[in-house]
Structures are given as C-alpha cells and as structure tokens.
Amino acid sequence: ALTLASSLPPETEDTVEEVRRLTRGALAQMRTLLLELRGDPLEKVPLRQLLRHLVEATESRTSTDVKLTIRGQVSPPPELHTPVYRIVQEALNNIVRHAAADGAWIVLELEDAVVRLEMGDDGVGFDADGVDAGCFGLRSMRERAVEAGGTLRVVAAPGRGTRVLAEWRVRPPEEP
C-alpha cells in the first residue's frame, strides 16, 4: 500500500524501498526453507528456479547485488541439480560472510556436452594458497563437484575478489 501512495515524504521512500527488498527476500528465504524441509528431491525442481531463490534470499540479507545469468536452453542432467545448487549456496554464503562485496555474479552455461558454472565477487578476496586445508566450505564445494564427475577451481587474491569455476562434461541425449 505504501508503494502505491503518491505523496510520500522523500525520507520515507528509501525506507519503503528497503521494506520491499526485505519482504521480497524473506519470501525467497521462505521458499528455499520450504523446499529444503519438504524433502522433495532437488532433481525434480528446475535448476533455474532453485538458483533464483538462492539469489533473492542472499540479496535480502546483504547489501551485495547478485546477478544471475543462465545461458543456453539445454536442461542440465537432473543429477547435477543438487551439486550445482549446493555449490552456489555455499559460495553465496561465503560472499555474505567474508567478501564484503558490493557485487557478485553467477553464470551458468548449459550446453549439450558441458555444464559450466562461474561465480565471483568484487570483494576483499583472500590468499587462495594460504587457505587452511580444514576450510569446510571450499572443501565441500570441491567434493560436490568431483562426486558429480566435475572439477572445481577457486581463483582468489587479496583485494581482487574471488572466482569459483566448476565444470561438468555431460553426455548429450541419445537420438531416438
């Protein structure tokens, strides 16, 4: 109702926009929680929808703008939905917790024989060579990629942001 009011004081407009952003984000977080709690296999949910919910939920709890780009009309194999979803989820959590980033991006490229995922941010970065081997988040992302037959690489440097690159070779669907 406030967004429809035409005569809001200027100082109120910013507050109304912030409430709108928080409400949209809370709804995205609720959808994500419901999805997780229902126990439906992630393989049955379109990957585009899963990633949109993660982005909206992340933007609601941080000032980081996250851009999601999905290229290609090919549907990824269902067995990649869970690893891609969990890797993106962990990368976004790391951005929120550690990056102090203004912007972040996710690019998912869907081709007949390859699924590529690139995520990055313009945050503070870190020394990728100096990361403790016990760092659970990075290790779990790498393990998820490898278990699904892919690779994952992290490119980071102090003051230069972070990029996470994952790739899976997939067999094209057989001709009927």
Protein backbone atom coordinates (compact mmCIF):
# COMPACT_ATOMS: atom_id res chain seq x y z
CA ALA A 1 0.00 0.00 0.00
CA LEU A 2 2.85 2.37 0.78
CA THR A 3 4.39 1.85 -2.65
CA LEU A 4 1.13 3.00 -4.26
CA ALA A 5 0.96 6.22 -2.25
CA SER A 6 1.88 9.15 -4.45
CA SER A 7 2.66 11.65 -1.73
CA LEU A 8 5.29 10.04 0.47
CA PRO A 9 7.90 12.29 2.03
CA PRO A 10 11.31 11.75 0.34
CA GLU A 11 12.89 10.36 3.53
CA THR A 12 10.14 7.72 3.70
CA GLU A 13 10.64 6.50 0.13
CA ASP A 14 14.01 4.92 0.98
CA THR A 15 12.51 3.14 3.98
CA VAL A 16 9.59 1.85 1.91
CA GLU A 17 12.02 0.52 -0.73
CA GLU A 18 14.08 -1.20 1.98
CA VAL A 19 10.93 -2.84 3.41
CA ARG A 20 10.02 -4.01 -0.10
CA ARG A 21 13.50 -5.52 -0.59
CA LEU A 22 13.40 -7.24 2.78
CA THR A 23 9.90 -8.60 2.17
CA ARG A 24 10.88 -9.97 -1.24
CA GLY A 25 13.97 -11.56 0.31
CA ALA A 26 12.04 -13.04 3.21
CA LEU A 27 9.66 -14.64 0.74
CA ALA A 28 12.60 -16.10 -1.20
CA GLN A 29 14.15 -17.42 2.01
CA MET A 30 10.82 -18.97 2.99
CA ARG A 31 10.53 -20.68 -0.40
CA THR A 32 14.05 -22.02 -0.02
CA LEU A 33 13.34 -23.28 3.50
CA LEU A 34 10.09 -24.93 2.41
CA LEU A 35 11.89 -26.59 -0.46
CA GLU A 36 14.55 -27.91 1.90
CA LEU A 37 12.08 -29.02 4.59
CA ARG A 38 9.65 -30.77 2.24
CA GLY A 39 12.29 -33.25 1.32
CA ASP A 40 11.42 -33.24 -2.38
CA PRO A 41 14.49 -34.21 -4.36
CA LEU A 42 16.21 -31.17 -5.82
CA GLU A 43 16.48 -33.14 -9.07
CA LYS A 44 12.76 -32.58 -9.60
CA VAL A 45 12.92 -28.78 -9.25
CA PRO A 46 14.05 -26.72 -12.26
CA LEU A 47 17.61 -25.53 -11.66
CA ARG A 48 16.74 -22.01 -12.84
CA GLN A 49 14.11 -21.78 -10.09
CA LEU A 50 16.49 -23.12 -7.42
CA LEU A 51 19.16 -20.57 -8.29
CA ARG A 52 16.69 -17.65 -8.47
CA HIS A 53 15.52 -18.44 -4.92
CA LEU A 54 19.12 -18.54 -3.65
CA VAL A 55 19.93 -15.20 -5.27
CA GLU A 56 16.81 -13.48 -3.93
CA ALA A 57 17.37 -14.88 -0.44
CA THR A 58 21.02 -13.75 -0.48
CA GLU A 59 20.20 -10.24 -1.67
CA SER A 60 17.68 -9.91 1.16
CA ARG A 61 20.27 -10.45 3.87
CA THR A 62 23.11 -8.39 2.47
CA SER A 63 23.73 -5.20 0.53
CA THR A 64 25.55 -7.19 -2.17
CA ASP A 65 23.86 -7.11 -5.58
CA VAL A 66 23.90 -10.59 -7.12
CA LYS A 67 23.42 -11.02 -10.86
CA LEU A 68 22.27 -14.42 -12.14
CA THR A 69 22.81 -15.27 -15.82
CA ILE A 70 21.79 -18.60 -17.31
CA ARG A 71 22.90 -19.21 -20.89
CA GLY A 72 21.58 -21.97 -23.09
CA GLN A 73 18.27 -23.69 -23.42
CA VAL A 74 19.54 -27.19 -22.67
CA SER A 75 18.27 -28.68 -19.42
CA PRO A 76 21.12 -29.89 -17.23
CA PRO A 77 21.02 -33.54 -16.21
CA PRO A 78 18.90 -33.94 -13.05
CA GLU A 79 21.88 -35.43 -11.19
CA LEU A 80 23.63 -32.05 -11.44
CA HIS A 81 20.82 -30.05 -9.77
CA THR A 82 21.94 -30.87 -6.22
CA PRO A 83 25.68 -30.28 -6.65
CA VAL A 84 25.17 -27.03 -8.58
CA TYR A 85 22.59 -25.80 -6.05
CA ARG A 86 24.80 -26.65 -3.05
CA ILE A 87 27.94 -25.16 -4.59
CA VAL A 88 26.12 -21.90 -5.39
CA GLN A 89 24.57 -21.91 -1.91
CA GLU A 90 27.96 -22.29 -0.23
CA ALA A 91 29.64 -19.71 -2.48
CA LEU A 92 26.90 -17.18 -1.74
CA ASN A 93 27.21 -17.88 1.99
CA ASN A 94 30.96 -17.27 1.74
CA ILE A 95 30.35 -13.99 -0.09
CA VAL A 96 27.95 -12.84 2.63
CA ARG A 97 30.24 -13.90 5.49
CA HIS A 98 33.67 -12.99 4.19
CA ALA A 99 33.79 -10.96 0.97
CA ALA A 100 32.45 -7.51 1.91
CA ALA A 101 31.46 -7.33 -1.76
CA ASP A 102 29.31 -4.72 -3.47
CA GLY A 103 28.55 -7.07 -6.35
CA ALA A 104 28.58 -10.74 -7.16
CA TRP A 105 27.62 -12.80 -10.18
CA ILE A 106 26.65 -16.31 -11.11
CA VAL A 107 26.86 -17.52 -14.70
CA LEU A 108 25.53 -20.97 -15.56
CA GLU A 109 26.22 -22.12 -19.12
CA LEU A 110 24.18 -25.07 -20.32
CA GLU A 111 25.48 -26.76 -23.46
CA ASP A 112 24.84 -30.19 -24.94
CA ALA A 113 28.06 -31.69 -23.63
CA VAL A 114 29.18 -29.27 -20.88
CA VAL A 115 27.71 -27.51 -17.86
CA ARG A 116 29.85 -24.59 -16.68
CA LEU A 117 29.33 -22.62 -13.51
CA GLU A 118 31.21 -19.43 -12.68
CA MET A 119 30.61 -17.36 -9.57
CA GLY A 120 32.53 -14.36 -8.44
CA ASP A 121 32.54 -11.20 -6.41
CA ASP A 122 34.30 -7.85 -6.19
CA GLY A 123 35.08 -8.30 -2.52
CA VAL A 124 38.21 -8.39 -0.42
CA GLY A 125 39.44 -11.74 -1.77
CA PHE A 126 41.89 -13.94 0.08
CA ASP A 127 45.15 -15.81 -0.38
CA ALA A 128 43.91 -19.00 -2.07
CA ASP A 129 47.24 -20.74 -1.42
CA GLY A 130 47.11 -19.88 2.28
CA VAL A 131 43.67 -21.33 2.98
CA ASP A 132 43.61 -23.87 5.77
CA ALA A 133 43.03 -27.37 4.39
CA GLY A 134 40.31 -27.78 7.00
CA CYS A 135 38.24 -24.98 5.48
CA PHE A 136 34.96 -26.84 5.27
CA GLY A 137 33.12 -24.61 2.77
CA LEU A 138 35.71 -24.68 -0.01
CA ARG A 139 36.42 -28.35 0.56
CA SER A 140 32.74 -29.30 0.41
CA MET A 141 32.24 -27.35 -2.84
CA ARG A 142 35.19 -29.16 -4.42
CA GLU A 143 33.98 -32.56 -3.16
CA ARG A 144 30.47 -31.98 -4.53
CA ALA A 145 31.82 -31.06 -7.95
CA VAL A 146 34.14 -34.08 -8.10
CA GLU A 147 31.50 -36.53 -6.81
CA ALA A 148 29.26 -35.43 -9.69
CA GLY A 149 32.07 -36.02 -12.20
CA GLY A 150 33.27 -32.43 -12.49
CA THR A 151 36.03 -30.10 -11.45
CA LEU A 152 36.11 -27.01 -9.28
CA ARG A 153 38.75 -24.32 -9.09
CA VAL A 154 38.94 -21.25 -6.84
CA VAL A 155 40.78 -18.16 -8.05
CA ALA A 156 41.35 -15.51 -5.41
CA ALA A 157 43.84 -12.90 -4.29
CA PRO A 158 43.74 -10.31 -1.52
CA GLY A 159 41.97 -7.18 -2.72
CA ARG A 160 40.94 -8.77 -6.03
CA GLY A 161 37.75 -10.66 -5.23
CA THR A 162 37.10 -14.34 -5.68
CA ARG A 163 36.00 -16.57 -8.56
CA VAL A 164 34.74 -20.13 -8.33
CA LEU A 165 34.78 -22.12 -11.56
CA ALA A 166 33.13 -25.52 -11.90
CA GLU A 167 32.63 -27.67 -14.97
CA TRP A 168 30.96 -30.98 -15.76
CA ARG A 169 31.19 -32.91 -19.01
CA VAL A 170 27.86 -34.48 -19.77
CA ARG A 171 26.79 -36.93 -22.41
CA PRO A 172 24.40 -35.42 -24.93
CA PRO A 173 20.99 -37.07 -25.02
CA GLU A 174 20.84 -40.03 -27.39
CA GLU A 175 18.95 -39.68 -30.63
CA PRO A 176 15.64 -41.56 -30.70
